[in-house]
Amino acid sequence: MYPKHHTRRSFIKNTLKIALLVSASLYGFTPAIASLDVSTHTAFQDFLIVCSHLTQEPKRNLSFSYPAFKSVHKEPWGKEHIQSCAEKIKNNNNDFTDGEQWFLGHVLTTLYLGVYYHQDMPTKRVLYDDAMMFRATQDIAPTPFIQALGQNAWTTKPLAQ
């Protein structure tokens, strides 16, 4: 969708990912997504269908969304909503219940901000550089706060002065 201009940062990040996968495969480790059981793999495929519908991007561009899936899938109603929303999307049925509409907004917020919010769980950043909000400025400016303040710095409230 957007033209991808490679920077030194993205080149180093992708090189490290490849090196990690190659070294892991040499020592017999498999990536987390490859070791999923059948039911979790099916749920992740359904999650990709939901994400593709929300973001209007092909499923192959959404492979970064696995950390968000892990968080959403742990919720008590996450499995049900992932499955029901994916079935409705497959059948071109846009008649979502109020709970499903809230769930779709929750997933979109998580993908856009890269931060997972839930009332019963601690707020955590799940997507880092792959959050959709960074795509608008990816060619202009580096991802803010990661180099200067460290991971998760912007998800916490600032100190009162």
N, C-alpha and C. Protein backbone atom coordinates (compact mmCIF):
# COMPACT_ATOMS: atom_id res chain seq x y z
N MET A 1 0.82 -1.18 0.00
CA MET A 1 0.00 0.00 0.00
C MET A 1 0.87 1.25 0.00
N TYR A 2 1.78 1.35 0.95
CA TYR A 2 2.69 2.48 1.02
C TYR A 2 4.04 2.06 0.43
N PRO A 3 4.70 2.97 -0.28
CA PRO A 3 6.04 2.60 -0.76
C PRO A 3 6.98 2.43 0.43
N LYS A 4 7.78 1.42 0.38
CA LYS A 4 8.68 1.12 1.50
C LYS A 4 10.08 1.58 1.14
N HIS A 5 10.57 2.57 1.87
CA HIS A 5 11.94 3.03 1.70
C HIS A 5 12.75 2.46 2.86
N HIS A 6 13.78 1.78 2.55
CA HIS A 6 14.56 1.12 3.58
C HIS A 6 15.57 2.07 4.20
N THR A 7 15.62 2.05 5.51
CA THR A 7 16.57 2.86 6.24
C THR A 7 17.60 1.94 6.87
N ARG A 8 18.62 2.53 7.43
CA ARG A 8 19.61 1.70 8.12
C ARG A 8 18.98 0.92 9.26
N ARG A 9 18.09 1.59 9.96
CA ARG A 9 17.41 0.93 11.09
C ARG A 9 16.62 -0.28 10.63
N SER A 10 15.82 -0.14 9.56
CA SER A 10 15.03 -1.28 9.08
C SER A 10 15.93 -2.37 8.52
N PHE A 11 17.02 -1.99 7.89
CA PHE A 11 17.94 -2.99 7.35
C PHE A 11 18.57 -3.81 8.48
N ILE A 12 19.01 -3.13 9.53
CA ILE A 12 19.61 -3.83 10.67
C ILE A 12 18.58 -4.72 11.36
N LYS A 13 17.37 -4.19 11.55
CA LYS A 13 16.31 -4.95 12.20
C LYS A 13 15.98 -6.22 11.41
N ASN A 14 15.84 -6.09 10.10
CA ASN A 14 15.50 -7.25 9.27
C ASN A 14 16.66 -8.24 9.20
N THR A 15 17.88 -7.75 9.17
CA THR A 15 19.05 -8.63 9.16
C THR A 15 19.12 -9.44 10.46
N LEU A 16 18.84 -8.79 11.58
CA LEU A 16 18.85 -9.50 12.86
C LEU A 16 17.73 -10.53 12.93
N LYS A 17 16.57 -10.23 12.38
CA LYS A 17 15.47 -11.19 12.36
C LYS A 17 15.87 -12.44 11.56
N ILE A 18 16.47 -12.21 10.40
CA ILE A 18 16.88 -13.34 9.56
C ILE A 18 17.96 -14.16 10.26
N ALA A 19 18.92 -13.48 10.85
CA ALA A 19 19.99 -14.20 11.56
C ALA A 19 19.44 -15.01 12.72
N LEU A 20 18.48 -14.45 13.44
CA LEU A 20 17.88 -15.17 14.55
C LEU A 20 17.13 -16.41 14.08
N LEU A 21 16.36 -16.28 13.00
CA LEU A 21 15.63 -17.43 12.47
C LEU A 21 16.57 -18.52 11.96
N VAL A 22 17.63 -18.11 11.27
CA VAL A 22 18.58 -19.09 10.74
C VAL A 22 19.29 -19.81 11.88
N SER A 23 19.77 -19.05 12.86
CA SER A 23 20.48 -19.68 13.97
C SER A 23 19.54 -20.55 14.80
N ALA A 24 18.30 -20.13 14.97
CA ALA A 24 17.33 -20.94 15.72
C ALA A 24 17.03 -22.24 14.99
N SER A 25 16.91 -22.17 13.67
CA SER A 25 16.61 -23.40 12.93
C SER A 25 17.80 -24.35 12.94
N LEU A 26 19.02 -23.81 12.98
CA LEU A 26 20.21 -24.68 13.04
C LEU A 26 20.28 -25.45 14.36
N TYR A 27 19.78 -24.83 15.43
CA TYR A 27 19.83 -25.48 16.74
C TYR A 27 18.53 -26.18 17.11
N GLY A 28 17.62 -26.31 16.16
CA GLY A 28 16.41 -27.09 16.38
C GLY A 28 15.25 -26.33 17.00
N PHE A 29 15.36 -25.02 17.14
CA PHE A 29 14.24 -24.25 17.67
C PHE A 29 13.34 -23.86 16.51
N THR A 30 12.04 -23.82 16.77
CA THR A 30 11.11 -23.39 15.74
C THR A 30 10.48 -22.08 16.19
N PRO A 31 10.11 -21.22 15.26
CA PRO A 31 9.43 -19.99 15.64
C PRO A 31 8.11 -20.31 16.35
N ALA A 32 7.65 -19.40 17.18
CA ALA A 32 6.45 -19.65 17.98
C ALA A 32 5.25 -19.95 17.10
N ILE A 33 5.12 -19.28 15.99
CA ILE A 33 3.96 -19.48 15.13
C ILE A 33 3.96 -20.87 14.49
N ALA A 34 5.13 -21.44 14.28
CA ALA A 34 5.21 -22.77 13.67
C ALA A 34 4.86 -23.86 14.66
N SER A 35 4.97 -23.58 15.94
CA SER A 35 4.72 -24.61 16.95
C SER A 35 3.31 -24.52 17.54
N LEU A 36 2.42 -23.79 16.91
CA LEU A 36 1.06 -23.67 17.42
C LEU A 36 0.30 -24.98 17.23
N ASP A 37 -0.60 -25.27 18.15
CA ASP A 37 -1.47 -26.42 17.90
C ASP A 37 -2.52 -26.03 16.87
N VAL A 38 -3.28 -27.00 16.42
CA VAL A 38 -4.20 -26.78 15.29
C VAL A 38 -5.28 -25.75 15.63
N SER A 39 -5.85 -25.82 16.83
CA SER A 39 -6.93 -24.90 17.19
C SER A 39 -6.41 -23.46 17.30
N THR A 40 -5.23 -23.27 17.86
CA THR A 40 -4.66 -21.92 17.98
C THR A 40 -4.28 -21.40 16.60
N HIS A 41 -3.76 -22.28 15.73
CA HIS A 41 -3.41 -21.86 14.37
C HIS A 41 -4.65 -21.41 13.61
N THR A 42 -5.75 -22.14 13.77
CA THR A 42 -7.01 -21.75 13.12
C THR A 42 -7.49 -20.42 13.67
N ALA A 43 -7.38 -20.22 14.98
CA ALA A 43 -7.79 -18.95 15.58
C ALA A 43 -6.92 -17.80 15.06
N PHE A 44 -5.62 -18.04 14.86
CA PHE A 44 -4.75 -16.99 14.33
C PHE A 44 -5.13 -16.67 12.89
N GLN A 45 -5.46 -17.68 12.09
CA GLN A 45 -5.91 -17.43 10.72
C GLN A 45 -7.20 -16.61 10.73
N ASP A 46 -8.11 -16.91 11.65
CA ASP A 46 -9.33 -16.11 11.77
C ASP A 46 -9.00 -14.69 12.21
N PHE A 47 -8.03 -14.54 13.11
CA PHE A 47 -7.61 -13.21 13.55
C PHE A 47 -7.03 -12.41 12.38
N LEU A 48 -6.28 -13.08 11.51
CA LEU A 48 -5.74 -12.40 10.32
C LEU A 48 -6.87 -11.95 9.39
N ILE A 49 -7.92 -12.74 9.28
CA ILE A 49 -9.07 -12.34 8.46
C ILE A 49 -9.72 -11.09 9.04
N VAL A 50 -9.88 -11.07 10.36
CA VAL A 50 -10.47 -9.89 11.02
C VAL A 50 -9.57 -8.67 10.83
N CYS A 51 -8.26 -8.83 11.03
CA CYS A 51 -7.33 -7.71 10.87
C CYS A 51 -7.30 -7.21 9.43
N SER A 52 -7.34 -8.13 8.49
CA SER A 52 -7.34 -7.75 7.08
C SER A 52 -8.60 -6.95 6.74
N HIS A 53 -9.71 -7.35 7.31
CA HIS A 53 -10.97 -6.63 7.09
C HIS A 53 -10.92 -5.23 7.70
N LEU A 54 -10.33 -5.11 8.88
CA LEU A 54 -10.27 -3.82 9.57
C LEU A 54 -9.28 -2.86 8.92
N THR A 55 -8.15 -3.37 8.49
CA THR A 55 -7.09 -2.50 7.98
C THR A 55 -7.07 -2.39 6.46
N GLN A 56 -7.86 -3.23 5.79
CA GLN A 56 -7.91 -3.26 4.33
C GLN A 56 -6.55 -3.59 3.73
N GLU A 57 -5.81 -4.43 4.39
CA GLU A 57 -4.52 -4.89 3.90
C GLU A 57 -4.58 -6.39 3.70
N PRO A 58 -3.80 -6.92 2.75
CA PRO A 58 -3.77 -8.37 2.57
C PRO A 58 -3.23 -9.07 3.81
N LYS A 59 -3.65 -10.31 4.01
CA LYS A 59 -3.22 -11.06 5.20
C LYS A 59 -1.71 -11.21 5.26
N ARG A 60 -1.03 -11.30 4.13
CA ARG A 60 0.43 -11.50 4.15
C ARG A 60 1.16 -10.31 4.75
N ASN A 61 0.55 -9.12 4.74
CA ASN A 61 1.18 -7.94 5.32
C ASN A 61 0.91 -7.83 6.82
N LEU A 62 0.14 -8.75 7.36
CA LEU A 62 -0.27 -8.65 8.76
C LEU A 62 0.41 -9.67 9.66
N SER A 63 1.47 -10.28 9.18
CA SER A 63 2.15 -11.30 9.98
C SER A 63 2.72 -10.73 11.28
N PHE A 64 2.93 -9.42 11.33
CA PHE A 64 3.45 -8.78 12.53
C PHE A 64 2.43 -8.80 13.66
N SER A 65 1.19 -9.15 13.40
CA SER A 65 0.12 -9.02 14.39
C SER A 65 0.05 -10.18 15.38
N TYR A 66 0.96 -11.14 15.31
CA TYR A 66 0.91 -12.29 16.22
C TYR A 66 0.99 -11.90 17.70
N PRO A 67 1.85 -10.96 18.11
CA PRO A 67 1.85 -10.57 19.53
C PRO A 67 0.51 -9.99 19.98
N ALA A 68 -0.15 -9.24 19.11
CA ALA A 68 -1.48 -8.72 19.45
C ALA A 68 -2.48 -9.87 19.57
N PHE A 69 -2.36 -10.85 18.69
CA PHE A 69 -3.24 -12.02 18.75
C PHE A 69 -3.08 -12.75 20.08
N LYS A 70 -1.85 -12.93 20.53
CA LYS A 70 -1.62 -13.65 21.79
C LYS A 70 -2.34 -12.96 22.95
N SER A 71 -2.31 -11.64 22.97
CA SER A 71 -2.96 -10.90 24.05
C SER A 71 -4.48 -10.98 23.95
N VAL A 72 -5.01 -10.78 22.75
CA VAL A 72 -6.46 -10.80 22.56
C VAL A 72 -7.01 -12.21 22.78
N HIS A 73 -6.27 -13.21 22.36
CA HIS A 73 -6.72 -14.61 22.46
C HIS A 73 -6.82 -15.07 23.92
N LYS A 74 -6.06 -14.45 24.83
CA LYS A 74 -6.10 -14.82 26.25
C LYS A 74 -7.33 -14.28 26.97
N GLU A 75 -8.01 -13.29 26.37
CA GLU A 75 -9.18 -12.72 27.00
C GLU A 75 -10.30 -13.76 27.06
N PRO A 76 -11.16 -13.68 28.09
CA PRO A 76 -12.20 -14.68 28.22
C PRO A 76 -13.16 -14.74 27.03
N TRP A 77 -13.42 -13.63 26.39
CA TRP A 77 -14.33 -13.59 25.25
C TRP A 77 -13.59 -13.47 23.93
N GLY A 78 -12.27 -13.44 23.96
CA GLY A 78 -11.49 -13.23 22.74
C GLY A 78 -11.66 -14.33 21.72
N LYS A 79 -11.60 -15.58 22.16
CA LYS A 79 -11.73 -16.71 21.23
C LYS A 79 -13.07 -16.70 20.52
N GLU A 80 -14.14 -16.45 21.28
CA GLU A 80 -15.48 -16.44 20.70
C GLU A 80 -15.64 -15.32 19.66
N HIS A 81 -15.18 -14.12 20.03
CA HIS A 81 -15.34 -12.98 19.12
C HIS A 81 -14.47 -13.12 17.88
N ILE A 82 -13.27 -13.66 18.03
CA ILE A 82 -12.42 -13.87 16.85
C ILE A 82 -13.13 -14.78 15.87
N GLN A 83 -13.66 -15.88 16.38
CA GLN A 83 -14.31 -16.85 15.51
C GLN A 83 -15.59 -16.30 14.90
N SER A 84 -16.44 -15.67 15.70
CA SER A 84 -17.72 -15.18 15.18
C SER A 84 -17.53 -14.04 14.18
N CYS A 85 -16.60 -13.13 14.46
CA CYS A 85 -16.34 -12.03 13.52
C CYS A 85 -15.75 -12.54 12.22
N ALA A 86 -14.83 -13.50 12.30
CA ALA A 86 -14.24 -14.05 11.08
C ALA A 86 -15.29 -14.76 10.24
N GLU A 87 -16.19 -15.50 10.87
CA GLU A 87 -17.25 -16.19 10.12
C GLU A 87 -18.16 -15.18 9.42
N LYS A 88 -18.52 -14.11 10.11
CA LYS A 88 -19.38 -13.09 9.49
C LYS A 88 -18.66 -12.39 8.33
N ILE A 89 -17.37 -12.15 8.49
CA ILE A 89 -16.61 -11.50 7.42
C ILE A 89 -16.51 -12.43 6.22
N LYS A 90 -16.27 -13.72 6.46
CA LYS A 90 -16.19 -14.69 5.36
C LYS A 90 -17.50 -14.76 4.59
N ASN A 91 -18.63 -14.62 5.30
CA ASN A 91 -19.95 -14.72 4.68
C ASN A 91 -20.50 -13.37 4.23
N ASN A 92 -19.66 -12.32 4.25
CA ASN A 92 -20.06 -10.96 3.87
C ASN A 92 -21.27 -10.47 4.66
N ASN A 93 -21.31 -10.82 5.92
CA ASN A 93 -22.38 -10.41 6.81
C ASN A 93 -21.82 -9.34 7.74
N ASN A 94 -22.28 -8.12 7.58
CA ASN A 94 -21.78 -7.02 8.41
C ASN A 94 -22.72 -6.68 9.56
N ASP A 95 -23.55 -7.61 9.96
CA ASP A 95 -24.48 -7.41 11.06
C ASP A 95 -23.84 -7.88 12.35
N PHE A 96 -22.94 -7.05 12.90
CA PHE A 96 -22.21 -7.39 14.11
C PHE A 96 -23.00 -6.98 15.35
N THR A 97 -22.91 -7.77 16.40
CA THR A 97 -23.54 -7.41 17.66
C THR A 97 -22.76 -6.28 18.31
N ASP A 98 -23.31 -5.72 19.38
CA ASP A 98 -22.61 -4.63 20.08
C ASP A 98 -21.27 -5.11 20.64
N GLY A 99 -21.25 -6.32 21.18
CA GLY A 99 -20.00 -6.87 21.71
C GLY A 99 -18.96 -7.07 20.62
N GLU A 100 -19.40 -7.55 19.46
CA GLU A 100 -18.48 -7.75 18.35
C GLU A 100 -17.97 -6.42 17.80
N GLN A 101 -18.84 -5.40 17.76
CA GLN A 101 -18.39 -4.08 17.32
C GLN A 101 -17.35 -3.52 18.28
N TRP A 102 -17.57 -3.68 19.58
CA TRP A 102 -16.58 -3.23 20.55
C TRP A 102 -15.28 -4.00 20.35
N PHE A 103 -15.38 -5.30 20.13
CA PHE A 103 -14.19 -6.13 19.93
C PHE A 103 -13.40 -5.68 18.70
N LEU A 104 -14.10 -5.40 17.60
CA LEU A 104 -13.41 -4.94 16.38
C LEU A 104 -12.70 -3.61 16.63
N GLY A 105 -13.33 -2.71 17.37
CA GLY A 105 -12.67 -1.46 17.71
C GLY A 105 -11.47 -1.67 18.61
N HIS A 106 -11.58 -2.62 19.52
CA HIS A 106 -10.48 -2.97 20.43
C HIS A 106 -9.28 -3.51 19.63
N VAL A 107 -9.54 -4.39 18.67
CA VAL A 107 -8.47 -4.95 17.84
C VAL A 107 -7.84 -3.85 16.99
N LEU A 108 -8.65 -3.00 16.40
CA LEU A 108 -8.12 -1.92 15.56
C LEU A 108 -7.27 -0.96 16.38
N THR A 109 -7.70 -0.63 17.59
CA THR A 109 -6.92 0.24 18.46
C THR A 109 -5.57 -0.40 18.79
N THR A 110 -5.59 -1.71 19.06
CA THR A 110 -4.35 -2.42 19.38
C THR A 110 -3.40 -2.42 18.19
N LEU A 111 -3.93 -2.66 16.98
CA LEU A 111 -3.07 -2.67 15.79
C LEU A 111 -2.54 -1.28 15.48
N TYR A 112 -3.38 -0.26 15.65
CA TYR A 112 -2.98 1.10 15.30
C TYR A 112 -1.95 1.65 16.28
N LEU A 113 -2.23 1.53 17.57
CA LEU A 113 -1.32 2.08 18.57
C LEU A 113 -0.18 1.14 18.92
N GLY A 114 -0.41 -0.16 18.73
CA GLY A 114 0.60 -1.14 19.12
C GLY A 114 0.60 -1.40 20.61
N VAL A 115 -0.41 -0.88 21.29
CA VAL A 115 -0.52 -1.02 22.74
C VAL A 115 -1.80 -1.77 23.06
N TYR A 116 -1.67 -2.77 23.92
CA TYR A 116 -2.82 -3.59 24.32
C TYR A 116 -3.37 -3.06 25.62
N TYR A 117 -4.64 -2.64 25.59
CA TYR A 117 -5.32 -2.14 26.79
C TYR A 117 -6.42 -3.13 27.18
N HIS A 118 -6.48 -3.46 28.44
CA HIS A 118 -7.57 -4.27 28.97
C HIS A 118 -7.71 -3.95 30.44
N GLN A 119 -8.95 -3.90 30.92
CA GLN A 119 -9.18 -3.48 32.31
C GLN A 119 -8.64 -4.46 33.34
N ASP A 120 -8.56 -5.74 32.98
CA ASP A 120 -8.11 -6.74 33.94
C ASP A 120 -6.63 -7.10 33.81
N MET A 121 -5.96 -6.55 32.82
CA MET A 121 -4.56 -6.90 32.57
C MET A 121 -3.73 -5.63 32.49
N PRO A 122 -2.44 -5.73 32.75
CA PRO A 122 -1.61 -4.53 32.65
C PRO A 122 -1.47 -4.08 31.19
N THR A 123 -1.40 -2.78 31.00
CA THR A 123 -1.20 -2.23 29.66
C THR A 123 0.19 -2.63 29.19
N LYS A 124 0.27 -3.10 27.95
CA LYS A 124 1.59 -3.46 27.43
C LYS A 124 1.67 -3.14 25.95
N ARG A 125 2.86 -2.84 25.54
CA ARG A 125 3.12 -2.54 24.14
C ARG A 125 3.44 -3.85 23.44
N VAL A 126 2.67 -4.19 22.40
CA VAL A 126 2.82 -5.50 21.77
C VAL A 126 3.41 -5.44 20.36
N LEU A 127 3.32 -4.31 19.67
CA LEU A 127 3.75 -4.29 18.28
C LEU A 127 5.01 -3.48 18.00
N TYR A 128 5.43 -2.65 18.91
CA TYR A 128 6.66 -1.87 18.77
C TYR A 128 6.70 -1.11 17.44
N ASP A 129 7.70 -1.32 16.60
CA ASP A 129 7.84 -0.55 15.36
C ASP A 129 6.76 -0.86 14.33
N ASP A 130 6.05 -1.96 14.48
CA ASP A 130 5.06 -2.36 13.49
C ASP A 130 3.69 -1.75 13.72
N ALA A 131 3.53 -0.93 14.75
CA ALA A 131 2.24 -0.27 14.98
C ALA A 131 1.89 0.58 13.76
N MET A 132 0.63 0.57 13.40
CA MET A 132 0.21 1.25 12.18
C MET A 132 0.37 2.76 12.25
N MET A 133 0.38 3.34 13.44
CA MET A 133 0.50 4.80 13.54
C MET A 133 1.87 5.30 13.08
N PHE A 134 2.87 4.42 13.07
CA PHE A 134 4.20 4.85 12.65
C PHE A 134 4.38 4.81 11.13
N ARG A 135 3.42 4.26 10.41
CA ARG A 135 3.57 4.15 8.96
C ARG A 135 3.51 5.50 8.25
N ALA A 136 2.76 6.43 8.78
CA ALA A 136 2.61 7.74 8.13
C ALA A 136 3.92 8.50 8.09
N THR A 137 4.76 8.31 9.10
CA THR A 137 6.01 9.06 9.17
C THR A 137 7.24 8.17 9.03
N GLN A 138 7.07 6.95 8.56
CA GLN A 138 8.20 6.02 8.53
C GLN A 138 9.35 6.49 7.65
N ASP A 139 9.06 7.27 6.62
CA ASP A 139 10.12 7.74 5.73
C ASP A 139 10.66 9.11 6.12
N ILE A 140 10.02 9.76 7.07
CA ILE A 140 10.39 11.11 7.43
C ILE A 140 11.17 11.17 8.73
N ALA A 141 10.68 10.43 9.73
CA ALA A 141 11.27 10.52 11.06
C ALA A 141 11.42 9.12 11.66
N PRO A 142 12.39 8.94 12.55
CA PRO A 142 12.51 7.64 13.21
C PRO A 142 11.33 7.40 14.16
N THR A 143 11.11 6.19 14.52
CA THR A 143 10.04 5.86 15.46
C THR A 143 10.31 6.56 16.78
N PRO A 144 9.38 7.39 17.25
CA PRO A 144 9.65 8.19 18.44
C PRO A 144 9.74 7.34 19.71
N PHE A 145 10.50 7.83 20.65
CA PHE A 145 10.62 7.32 22.01
C PHE A 145 11.41 6.02 22.14
N ILE A 146 11.57 5.28 21.08
CA ILE A 146 12.24 3.99 21.23
C ILE A 146 13.72 4.20 21.49
N GLN A 147 14.37 5.09 20.73
CA GLN A 147 15.79 5.30 20.94
C GLN A 147 16.06 6.13 22.19
N ALA A 148 15.24 7.15 22.45
CA ALA A 148 15.54 8.07 23.53
C ALA A 148 15.11 7.56 24.91
N LEU A 149 13.91 7.01 25.00
CA LEU A 149 13.37 6.67 26.31
C LEU A 149 13.33 5.18 26.60
N GLY A 150 13.48 4.36 25.61
CA GLY A 150 13.44 2.92 25.83
C GLY A 150 12.07 2.34 25.59
N GLN A 151 12.01 1.03 25.62
CA GLN A 151 10.77 0.32 25.33
C GLN A 151 9.71 0.64 26.38
N ASN A 152 8.47 0.76 25.93
CA ASN A 152 7.29 0.96 26.77
C ASN A 152 7.23 2.31 27.48
N ALA A 153 8.11 3.24 27.17
CA ALA A 153 8.13 4.51 27.90
C ALA A 153 6.87 5.33 27.68
N TRP A 154 6.33 5.32 26.48
CA TRP A 154 5.19 6.18 26.21
C TRP A 154 3.87 5.55 26.63
N THR A 155 3.86 4.31 27.11
CA THR A 155 2.61 3.70 27.55
C THR A 155 2.30 4.01 29.01
N THR A 156 3.28 4.58 29.72
CA THR A 156 3.06 4.93 31.12
C THR A 156 2.72 6.41 31.24
N LYS A 157 1.96 6.73 32.28
CA LYS A 157 1.58 8.13 32.50
C LYS A 157 2.81 8.94 32.91
N PRO A 158 2.91 10.19 32.45
CA PRO A 158 4.04 11.01 32.87
C PRO A 158 3.95 11.35 34.35
N LEU A 159 5.10 11.64 34.93
CA LEU A 159 5.14 12.00 36.34
C LEU A 159 4.54 13.39 36.55
N ALA A 160 3.84 13.56 37.66
CA ALA A 160 3.26 14.87 37.98
C ALA A 160 4.38 15.82 38.36
N GLN A 161 4.27 17.05 37.90
CA GLN A 161 5.32 18.04 38.16
C GLN A 161 5.01 18.82 39.41
